[in-house]
Structure formats: C-alpha cells, structure tokens
Amino acid sequence: MESIITTIAITIGVILVSMTIHEAMHGFVAYWLGDDTAKDEGRLTLNPIKHIDPFLTIMLPVMLAILQAPIFGGAKPVPFNPNRVRYGEWGAALVAIAGPLSNLVIAFIAFGLMVILGYGSLGGDLLGVILQYFVVINLGFFVFNMLPIPPLDGSRVLYALAPDFVRRGMEAMEQAGLIIVFALVFLAGSLLGQIMSTVIQAILQVFTTIFGV
C-alpha cells in the first residue's frame, strides 16, 4: 500500500510541475509571437491550478502509473488565436510544439542529473526515483502530445504543411476535442502504448549516447 501511495504522490507531483511548464510555454511563446489571448485569460502563469484538467492531468496519468503503462496526459489547453501570431501557420506550429519540447528538455535535464548524481536507470533512493519519474513522465507527455492527430500539439505541424482540404478535415476533428483523446486512450490504448514505448526507448538511447552511459 505504501509503495502505491508513494507512486501516486510522486506521479501527481511530477505531473503538476511538468504540465504547468508545458502549458505555460504555449502561452509564453504565443505572447512572444504577438498573441496576448493567454495573458488576457490569466494563463501566463506557473500556478498549476490554472492549468489542471481533473481527468487528463490527474486521473489518467495516475491510472497509467499504477498499471505500469507508459504515462501520458494533458491539461486545460492554453487559448491562443492562430490568426494573431506572427508567421501564420508556422507561428501557430511553434506555439503548439513549445509545450511538448519543454517536456523533452525537462526529461533531458532529469536524465543528466541522474547520471551526474550516480543513479542507475531504476533510480535508487527517493531523489533517484523522483528524477526517474521526471524522465519517464515527461517523455510520455512529449511523445503523446507530438502525435500528429488533432487536437494534440503535433497536429499543428501538419496544419502548416497540409493543403486546405486536409486542414478543413483536421479542424473538424479538432472540434471534437477530448472525444478524440478518449478514443485514442480507450480504443487504441494497447497499440498507442506500444508505439509510445518504442519511441521513448529510442529517445532514452539517444540520451544514453549523449551522456556516455
């Protein structure tokens, strides 16, 4: 029971930090590119309460952690107006990928700290376990959110590349919002888990090569 409680506590703590940075980066990059929508709605903040979605931020990742499956999730989307950012669709794509890229950077830093502090791949003491969770959870967030499926962040890159008729179809999918996410989780969860695990292992191999471990 204690291990489950510890797992849940660490998972929630890491998620709150990671997703807060993720969502705030969306807003900061949008603001930098000329759109102050997030600022006007109070989302240019590192206050996690402003960004939490009860299901995507807490329930889903904790459930996946308990099941020892790849951990992923989301938060309340930071609003931005793609028509107000500089560089058109490419500016909107930059706003979108800023969030997942922040998770990749967090995972990279946490992995580096594990190496510097002498922790193995399975952590060790409490600090080592926390760092391990920062690596695994943030890589899960990065891979999941970079999937090129609306309304996930990775779809914005396709917006910049796709012809108009494809964009219209993607916009229709984006209107479904969480329904698409729920469908991915519940209808294709096993396949999604396999894809994510493969990509995460590949990224970890790159980290291992960079740090020479």
C-alpha atoms as a PDB file:
ATOM      1  CA  MET A   1       0.000   0.000   0.000  1.00  0.00           C
ATOM      2  CA  GLU A   2       2.809   2.390   0.869  1.00  0.00           C
ATOM      3  CA  SER A   3       4.503   1.852  -2.489  1.00  0.00           C
ATOM      4  CA  ILE A   4       1.247   2.600  -4.320  1.00  0.00           C
ATOM      5  CA  ILE A   5       0.719   5.742  -2.268  1.00  0.00           C
ATOM      6  CA  THR A   6       4.303   6.816  -2.927  1.00  0.00           C
ATOM      7  CA  THR A   7       3.887   6.135  -6.645  1.00  0.00           C
ATOM      8  CA  ILE A   8       0.688   8.191  -6.786  1.00  0.00           C
ATOM      9  CA  ALA A   9       2.199  11.063  -4.780  1.00  0.00           C
ATOM     10  CA  ILE A  10       5.354  11.261  -6.916  1.00  0.00           C
ATOM     11  CA  THR A  11       3.347  10.912 -10.129  1.00  0.00           C
ATOM     12  CA  ILE A  12       0.982  13.743  -9.218  1.00  0.00           C
ATOM     13  CA  GLY A  13       3.841  15.997  -8.112  1.00  0.00           C
ATOM     14  CA  VAL A  14       5.867  15.425 -11.274  1.00  0.00           C
ATOM     15  CA  ILE A  15       2.791  15.869 -13.460  1.00  0.00           C
ATOM     16  CA  LEU A  16       1.824  19.165 -11.837  1.00  0.00           C
ATOM     17  CA  VAL A  17       5.298  20.592 -12.383  1.00  0.00           C
ATOM     18  CA  SER A  18       5.683  19.205 -15.893  1.00  0.00           C
ATOM     19  CA  MET A  19       2.256  20.086 -17.266  1.00  0.00           C
ATOM     20  CA  THR A  20       2.329  23.549 -15.709  1.00  0.00           C
ATOM     21  CA  ILE A  21       5.569  24.291 -17.560  1.00  0.00           C
ATOM     22  CA  HIS A  22       4.147  22.667 -20.706  1.00  0.00           C
ATOM     23  CA  GLU A  23       1.016  24.835 -20.771  1.00  0.00           C
ATOM     24  CA  ALA A  24       2.792  27.998 -19.673  1.00  0.00           C
ATOM     25  CA  MET A  25       5.253  27.598 -22.559  1.00  0.00           C
ATOM     26  CA  HIS A  26       2.361  27.550 -25.015  1.00  0.00           C
ATOM     27  CA  GLY A  27       1.208  30.876 -23.612  1.00  0.00           C
ATOM     28  CA  PHE A  28       4.647  32.480 -23.391  1.00  0.00           C
ATOM     29  CA  VAL A  29       5.551  31.581 -26.981  1.00  0.00           C
ATOM     30  CA  ALA A  30       2.166  32.812 -28.241  1.00  0.00           C
ATOM     31  CA  TYR A  31       2.695  36.071 -26.366  1.00  0.00           C
ATOM     32  CA  TRP A  32       6.210  36.368 -27.791  1.00  0.00           C
ATOM     33  CA  LEU A  33       4.736  35.927 -31.270  1.00  0.00           C
ATOM     34  CA  GLY A  34       2.171  38.675 -30.744  1.00  0.00           C
ATOM     35  CA  ASP A  35      -0.944  36.997 -29.316  1.00  0.00           C
ATOM     36  CA  ASP A  36      -1.966  38.093 -25.819  1.00  0.00           C
ATOM     37  CA  THR A  37      -5.034  35.810 -25.521  1.00  0.00           C
ATOM     38  CA  ALA A  38      -3.398  33.618 -22.862  1.00  0.00           C
ATOM     39  CA  LYS A  39      -2.300  36.672 -20.903  1.00  0.00           C
ATOM     40  CA  ASP A  40      -5.801  38.163 -21.004  1.00  0.00           C
ATOM     41  CA  GLU A  41      -7.251  34.909 -19.640  1.00  0.00           C
ATOM     42  CA  GLY A  42      -4.690  34.565 -16.846  1.00  0.00           C
ATOM     43  CA  ARG A  43      -2.846  31.581 -18.316  1.00  0.00           C
ATOM     44  CA  LEU A  44       0.649  33.146 -18.446  1.00  0.00           C
ATOM     45  CA  THR A  45       1.380  31.666 -15.043  1.00  0.00           C
ATOM     46  CA  LEU A  46       3.208  28.818 -13.346  1.00  0.00           C
ATOM     47  CA  ASN A  47       0.272  28.316 -10.980  1.00  0.00           C
ATOM     48  CA  PRO A  48      -0.768  24.680 -11.639  1.00  0.00           C
ATOM     49  CA  ILE A  49      -4.347  25.327 -10.523  1.00  0.00           C
ATOM     50  CA  LYS A  50      -4.862  27.426 -13.657  1.00  0.00           C
ATOM     51  CA  HIS A  51      -3.909  24.525 -15.919  1.00  0.00           C
ATOM     52  CA  ILE A  52      -5.280  21.347 -14.285  1.00  0.00           C
ATOM     53  CA  ASP A  53      -7.787  19.131 -16.042  1.00  0.00           C
ATOM     54  CA  PRO A  54      -9.070  16.590 -13.463  1.00  0.00           C
ATOM     55  CA  PHE A  55      -9.088  13.665 -15.882  1.00  0.00           C
ATOM     56  CA  LEU A  56      -6.152  14.355 -18.210  1.00  0.00           C
ATOM     57  CA  THR A  57      -3.796  15.853 -15.601  1.00  0.00           C
ATOM     58  CA  ILE A  58      -4.533  13.637 -12.596  1.00  0.00           C
ATOM     59  CA  MET A  59      -6.749  10.595 -13.096  1.00  0.00           C
ATOM     60  CA  LEU A  60      -5.408   9.255 -16.400  1.00  0.00           C
ATOM     61  CA  PRO A  61      -1.661   9.538 -15.622  1.00  0.00           C
ATOM     62  CA  VAL A  62      -2.094   8.098 -12.120  1.00  0.00           C
ATOM     63  CA  MET A  63      -4.087   5.162 -13.510  1.00  0.00           C
ATOM     64  CA  LEU A  64      -1.372   4.511 -16.103  1.00  0.00           C
ATOM     65  CA  ALA A  65       1.347   4.742 -13.425  1.00  0.00           C
ATOM     66  CA  ILE A  66      -0.429   2.172 -11.257  1.00  0.00           C
ATOM     67  CA  LEU A  67      -0.788  -0.130 -14.289  1.00  0.00           C
ATOM     68  CA  GLN A  68       2.926   0.444 -15.082  1.00  0.00           C
ATOM     69  CA  ALA A  69       1.977   1.568 -18.592  1.00  0.00           C
ATOM     70  CA  PRO A  70       3.563   4.490 -20.490  1.00  0.00           C
ATOM     71  CA  ILE A  71       2.377   7.630 -18.711  1.00  0.00           C
ATOM     72  CA  PHE A  72       0.785  10.415 -20.708  1.00  0.00           C
ATOM     73  CA  GLY A  73      -1.902  13.013 -20.264  1.00  0.00           C
ATOM     74  CA  GLY A  74      -2.665  16.671 -20.730  1.00  0.00           C
ATOM     75  CA  ALA A  75      -4.114  19.785 -19.183  1.00  0.00           C
ATOM     76  CA  LYS A  76      -6.601  22.511 -19.997  1.00  0.00           C
ATOM     77  CA  PRO A  77      -5.443  23.890 -23.348  1.00  0.00           C
ATOM     78  CA  VAL A  78      -3.958  27.374 -23.185  1.00  0.00           C
ATOM     79  CA  PRO A  79      -6.053  29.546 -25.521  1.00  0.00           C
ATOM     80  CA  PHE A  80      -4.377  31.330 -28.378  1.00  0.00           C
ATOM     81  CA  ASN A  81      -5.525  32.911 -31.615  1.00  0.00           C
ATOM     82  CA  PRO A  82      -3.555  31.496 -34.578  1.00  0.00           C
ATOM     83  CA  ASN A  83      -4.625  34.484 -36.649  1.00  0.00           C
ATOM     84  CA  ARG A  84      -2.793  36.849 -34.309  1.00  0.00           C
ATOM     85  CA  VAL A  85       0.606  35.170 -34.115  1.00  0.00           C
ATOM     86  CA  ARG A  86       3.413  36.108 -36.465  1.00  0.00           C
ATOM     87  CA  TYR A  87       4.436  33.783 -39.306  1.00  0.00           C
ATOM     88  CA  GLY A  88       0.943  32.353 -39.863  1.00  0.00           C
ATOM     89  CA  GLU A  89       0.606  28.576 -39.608  1.00  0.00           C
ATOM     90  CA  TRP A  90       4.309  28.217 -38.818  1.00  0.00           C
ATOM     91  CA  GLY A  91       3.900  30.569 -35.863  1.00  0.00           C
ATOM     92  CA  ALA A  92       0.930  28.522 -34.666  1.00  0.00           C
ATOM     93  CA  ALA A  93       3.006  25.354 -35.057  1.00  0.00           C
ATOM     94  CA  LEU A  94       5.771  26.887 -32.953  1.00  0.00           C
ATOM     95  CA  VAL A  95       3.256  27.735 -30.212  1.00  0.00           C
ATOM     96  CA  ALA A  96       1.960  24.166 -30.287  1.00  0.00           C
ATOM     97  CA  ILE A  97       5.291  22.336 -30.141  1.00  0.00           C
ATOM     98  CA  ALA A  98       6.676  24.637 -27.419  1.00  0.00           C
ATOM     99  CA  GLY A  99       4.774  22.610 -24.822  1.00  0.00           C
ATOM    100  CA  PRO A 100       6.000  19.129 -25.798  1.00  0.00           C
ATOM    101  CA  LEU A 101       9.524  20.427 -26.374  1.00  0.00           C
ATOM    102  CA  SER A 102       9.563  21.746 -22.809  1.00  0.00           C
ATOM    103  CA  ASN A 103       8.767  18.204 -21.630  1.00  0.00           C
ATOM    104  CA  LEU A 104      11.634  16.831 -23.723  1.00  0.00           C
ATOM    105  CA  VAL A 105      14.006  19.374 -22.178  1.00  0.00           C
ATOM    106  CA  ILE A 106      12.810  18.516 -18.648  1.00  0.00           C
ATOM    107  CA  ALA A 107      13.375  14.804 -19.337  1.00  0.00           C
ATOM    108  CA  PHE A 108      16.851  15.520 -20.713  1.00  0.00           C
ATOM    109  CA  ILE A 109      17.814  17.588 -17.656  1.00  0.00           C
ATOM    110  CA  ALA A 110      16.450  14.969 -15.241  1.00  0.00           C
ATOM    111  CA  PHE A 111      18.343  12.210 -17.071  1.00  0.00           C
ATOM    112  CA  GLY A 112      21.515  14.275 -16.914  1.00  0.00           C
ATOM    113  CA  LEU A 113      21.065  14.800 -13.178  1.00  0.00           C
ATOM    114  CA  MET A 114      20.634  11.051 -12.705  1.00  0.00           C
ATOM    115  CA  VAL A 115      23.929  10.473 -14.481  1.00  0.00           C
ATOM    116  CA  ILE A 116      25.770  13.233 -12.600  1.00  0.00           C
ATOM    117  CA  LEU A 117      24.447  12.038  -9.231  1.00  0.00           C
ATOM    118  CA  GLY A 118      25.293   8.428  -9.981  1.00  0.00           C
ATOM    119  CA  TYR A 119      21.813   6.943 -10.107  1.00  0.00           C
ATOM    120  CA  GLY A 120      21.146   3.895 -12.240  1.00  0.00           C
ATOM    121  CA  SER A 121      18.299   3.563 -14.688  1.00  0.00           C
ATOM    122  CA  LEU A 122      15.973   2.399 -11.907  1.00  0.00           C
ATOM    123  CA  GLY A 123      16.560   5.376  -9.639  1.00  0.00           C
ATOM    124  CA  GLY A 124      17.624   4.285  -6.155  1.00  0.00           C
ATOM    125  CA  ASP A 125      16.669   6.428  -3.170  1.00  0.00           C
ATOM    126  CA  LEU A 126      13.731   8.842  -3.176  1.00  0.00           C
ATOM    127  CA  LEU A 127      15.549  11.531  -5.172  1.00  0.00           C
ATOM    128  CA  GLY A 128      16.606   8.985  -7.771  1.00  0.00           C
ATOM    129  CA  VAL A 129      13.036   7.713  -8.103  1.00  0.00           C
ATOM    130  CA  ILE A 130      11.703  11.258  -8.485  1.00  0.00           C
ATOM    131  CA  LEU A 131      14.246  12.007 -11.200  1.00  0.00           C
ATOM    132  CA  GLN A 132      13.350   8.763 -12.945  1.00  0.00           C
ATOM    133  CA  TYR A 133       9.683   9.765 -12.906  1.00  0.00           C
ATOM    134  CA  PHE A 134      10.591  13.168 -14.339  1.00  0.00           C
ATOM    135  CA  VAL A 135      12.322  11.379 -17.215  1.00  0.00           C
ATOM    136  CA  VAL A 136       9.618   8.799 -17.927  1.00  0.00           C
ATOM    137  CA  ILE A 137       6.578  11.040 -17.448  1.00  0.00           C
ATOM    138  CA  ASN A 138       7.961  13.916 -19.484  1.00  0.00           C
ATOM    139  CA  LEU A 139       8.970  11.620 -22.318  1.00  0.00           C
ATOM    140  CA  GLY A 140       5.453  10.190 -22.236  1.00  0.00           C
ATOM    141  CA  PHE A 141       3.970  13.681 -22.442  1.00  0.00           C
ATOM    142  CA  PHE A 142       6.343  14.605 -25.248  1.00  0.00           C
ATOM    143  CA  VAL A 143       5.615  11.559 -27.403  1.00  0.00           C
ATOM    144  CA  PHE A 144       1.849  11.600 -26.812  1.00  0.00           C
ATOM    145  CA  ASN A 145       1.410  15.298 -27.484  1.00  0.00           C
ATOM    146  CA  MET A 146       3.562  15.174 -30.607  1.00  0.00           C
ATOM    147  CA  LEU A 147       1.251  12.652 -32.273  1.00  0.00           C
ATOM    148  CA  PRO A 148       0.012  14.386 -35.461  1.00  0.00           C
ATOM    149  CA  ILE A 149      -3.650  13.904 -34.552  1.00  0.00           C
ATOM    150  CA  PRO A 150      -5.975  16.818 -33.717  1.00  0.00           C
ATOM    151  CA  PRO A 151      -6.317  18.230 -31.101  1.00  0.00           C
ATOM    152  CA  LEU A 152      -2.828  17.141 -29.977  1.00  0.00           C
ATOM    153  CA  ASP A 153       0.040  19.600 -30.348  1.00  0.00           C
ATOM    154  CA  GLY A 154       1.773  17.650 -33.105  1.00  0.00           C
ATOM    155  CA  SER A 155      -1.161  18.222 -35.445  1.00  0.00           C
ATOM    156  CA  ARG A 156      -0.231  21.892 -35.734  1.00  0.00           C
ATOM    157  CA  VAL A 157       2.857  20.963 -37.708  1.00  0.00           C
ATOM    158  CA  LEU A 158       0.567  19.240 -40.214  1.00  0.00           C
ATOM    159  CA  TYR A 159      -1.560  22.389 -40.406  1.00  0.00           C
ATOM    160  CA  ALA A 160       1.492  24.244 -41.665  1.00  0.00           C
ATOM    161  CA  LEU A 161       2.251  21.603 -44.300  1.00  0.00           C
ATOM    162  CA  ALA A 162      -1.145  20.280 -45.364  1.00  0.00           C
ATOM    163  CA  PRO A 163      -3.287  21.579 -48.255  1.00  0.00           C
ATOM    164  CA  ASP A 164      -6.503  23.431 -47.435  1.00  0.00           C
ATOM    165  CA  PHE A 165      -8.873  20.474 -47.814  1.00  0.00           C
ATOM    166  CA  VAL A 166      -6.831  18.451 -45.310  1.00  0.00           C
ATOM    167  CA  ARG A 167      -6.794  21.395 -42.893  1.00  0.00           C
ATOM    168  CA  ARG A 168     -10.594  21.592 -43.045  1.00  0.00           C
ATOM    169  CA  GLY A 169     -10.827  17.944 -42.084  1.00  0.00           C
ATOM    170  CA  MET A 170      -8.352  18.429 -39.249  1.00  0.00           C
ATOM    171  CA  GLU A 171     -10.314  21.435 -37.993  1.00  0.00           C
ATOM    172  CA  ALA A 172     -13.451  19.277 -37.876  1.00  0.00           C
ATOM    173  CA  MET A 173     -11.566  16.672 -35.830  1.00  0.00           C
ATOM    174  CA  GLU A 174     -10.219  19.357 -33.514  1.00  0.00           C
ATOM    175  CA  GLN A 175     -13.773  20.430 -32.684  1.00  0.00           C
ATOM    176  CA  ALA A 176     -14.288  17.009 -31.122  1.00  0.00           C
ATOM    177  CA  GLY A 177     -11.508  17.849 -28.646  1.00  0.00           C
ATOM    178  CA  LEU A 178     -11.404  15.392 -25.760  1.00  0.00           C
ATOM    179  CA  ILE A 179     -13.545  12.864 -27.612  1.00  0.00           C
ATOM    180  CA  ILE A 180     -10.577  12.193 -29.899  1.00  0.00           C
ATOM    181  CA  VAL A 181      -8.266  11.821 -26.904  1.00  0.00           C
ATOM    182  CA  PHE A 182     -10.667   9.445 -25.149  1.00  0.00           C
ATOM    183  CA  ALA A 183     -10.985   7.382 -28.330  1.00  0.00           C
ATOM    184  CA  LEU A 184      -7.193   7.109 -28.609  1.00  0.00           C
ATOM    185  CA  VAL A 185      -6.901   6.001 -24.988  1.00  0.00           C
ATOM    186  CA  PHE A 186      -9.782   3.544 -24.811  1.00  0.00           C
ATOM    187  CA  LEU A 187      -9.980   2.175 -28.365  1.00  0.00           C
ATOM    188  CA  ALA A 188      -6.301   2.099 -29.306  1.00  0.00           C
ATOM    189  CA  GLY A 189      -4.663   2.060 -25.883  1.00  0.00           C
ATOM    190  CA  SER A 190      -2.617  -1.100 -26.439  1.00  0.00           C
ATOM    191  CA  LEU A 191      -1.279  -0.010 -29.830  1.00  0.00           C
ATOM    192  CA  LEU A 192      -0.672   3.503 -28.533  1.00  0.00           C
ATOM    193  CA  GLY A 193       1.259   2.100 -25.580  1.00  0.00           C
ATOM    194  CA  GLN A 194       3.463   0.008 -27.874  1.00  0.00           C
ATOM    195  CA  ILE A 195       4.198   2.958 -30.148  1.00  0.00           C
ATOM    196  CA  MET A 196       4.987   5.229 -27.218  1.00  0.00           C
ATOM    197  CA  SER A 197       7.220   2.655 -25.541  1.00  0.00           C
ATOM    198  CA  THR A 198       9.206   2.179 -28.738  1.00  0.00           C
ATOM    199  CA  VAL A 199       9.717   5.908 -29.262  1.00  0.00           C
ATOM    200  CA  ILE A 200      10.543   6.513 -25.591  1.00  0.00           C
ATOM    201  CA  GLN A 201      13.169   3.757 -25.644  1.00  0.00           C
ATOM    202  CA  ALA A 202      14.704   5.297 -28.759  1.00  0.00           C
ATOM    203  CA  ILE A 203      14.906   8.708 -27.062  1.00  0.00           C
ATOM    204  CA  LEU A 204      16.427   7.144 -23.943  1.00  0.00           C
ATOM    205  CA  GLN A 205      19.046   5.523 -26.147  1.00  0.00           C
ATOM    206  CA  VAL A 206      19.902   8.943 -27.564  1.00  0.00           C
ATOM    207  CA  PHE A 207      20.172  10.346 -24.025  1.00  0.00           C
ATOM    208  CA  THR A 208      22.395   7.438 -23.059  1.00  0.00           C
ATOM    209  CA  THR A 209      24.670   8.075 -26.021  1.00  0.00           C
ATOM    210  CA  ILE A 210      24.878  11.813 -25.311  1.00  0.00           C
ATOM    211  CA  PHE A 211      25.819  11.279 -21.652  1.00  0.00           C
ATOM    212  CA  GLY A 212      28.101   8.322 -22.410  1.00  0.00           C
ATOM    213  CA  VAL A 213      26.460   5.840 -20.057  1.00  0.00           C
END
